[in-house]
Amino acid sequence: MARRVNRKSNAQKAAIPNYSDDKQTSGPDPKLAIIALLLVVLLIGSGLFLTSMVEEAPEVSYGVEAQLLTDEHKTEAGHDTDFVLIVQNTGDIADTFDIGVKSNDGGFTITIEEGYDSIVLGTDKRKPIIINVKTSESAQGMLYAYLEIRSRGDPSQTSNVKLNVNTDHTFGNQTSTGDSVNVHYAGILARNAQLFDSSMEYLWDNYDNMKSGVEGNKHTDTLTANHIGCDAEGYPTSDCEGGRGMIKGFDNKMVDMYEGQTLSVRIPAIDAYGEQKNPDDPNGLGGEDLIFTIEMVSIN
């Protein structure tokens, strides 16, 4: 006999799609569209702002100038002399400058001071570098070479400097420890090439980078230096009849120079006027590294 199965009245019914009466179709959420539009506006605005910043950035210029402290040195064939090259950054941004030999018609052996074949300078800053030139044994007459100083920021910016050497010259006697000598000289600060003292008239008249306060100290007589190379009487040799009268770095450089020769020396502060500034020093040279060019005039 057939059984009647009573279905529960609360049984789940099949899900029926619920359409609106106006049969509107589904579409993108308007809130998402507004957010996307705002993002696009922000991106465009940021791009325009960055573009304007790039367009408004100031132009950068590079430049370099160079000169010699002294020139037209007299040198006996087969001997050497030193020039002091002064490099100035004339651009409006810090730059690196490479120093090299452009041409060498004199057949010299040219040595750029160790550690200074490439230098970094801030805008409008100067730096002195010692350049040693050795002539050949067969050198004759006025000979020359060119140095080139090149900007790394803009390699088209260069400065060329001519080194003139007169080899038709015969040196006199060579100095030795204990001698008394007469010299001409020029002293500049190693950090910025400011001239602080000299006996060379043409530097007083023509050099444009003086240390403040020295302009009225012009003097052109030779400097007499006694007991060169001597720490004290009888030391380091029996030729020492007393102690040196010049600062150590300057004094030691004069030993073994020839009469008529011009050489230069970089002197650390410890061998100059001390490593500390001295408020009582009217020259203000304490704590300064120095460079001197020395022309040996005569041995007394």
Foldseek 3Di string as FASTA:
>chain_A
DDDDDDDDPPDDDDDDDDADPVRDDDDDDVVVVVVVVVVVVVVVVVVVVVVVVVVPDDDWDWAKEKDWLDAAAEAAAQAKAKIKMKMFTQIQAKWKKAKDWPFFQQPWDKDKPPPVRMDIDGHGFMAITMIMTGHHNPGAAKGKTKMKIATPVDRVHIYIYIHIYGNPDDWADWAAAFFKFWKWKWKAFRGGRATLDTLPVVCLVDPDRHDPPRNPVHHNGTDIKGRQPACADCPPHVSRNGHTDAQNQVRPVSHGDTARHKYKDWAALCSHVELDFDPPDPSRCHNTTMMMIIHTHTTD
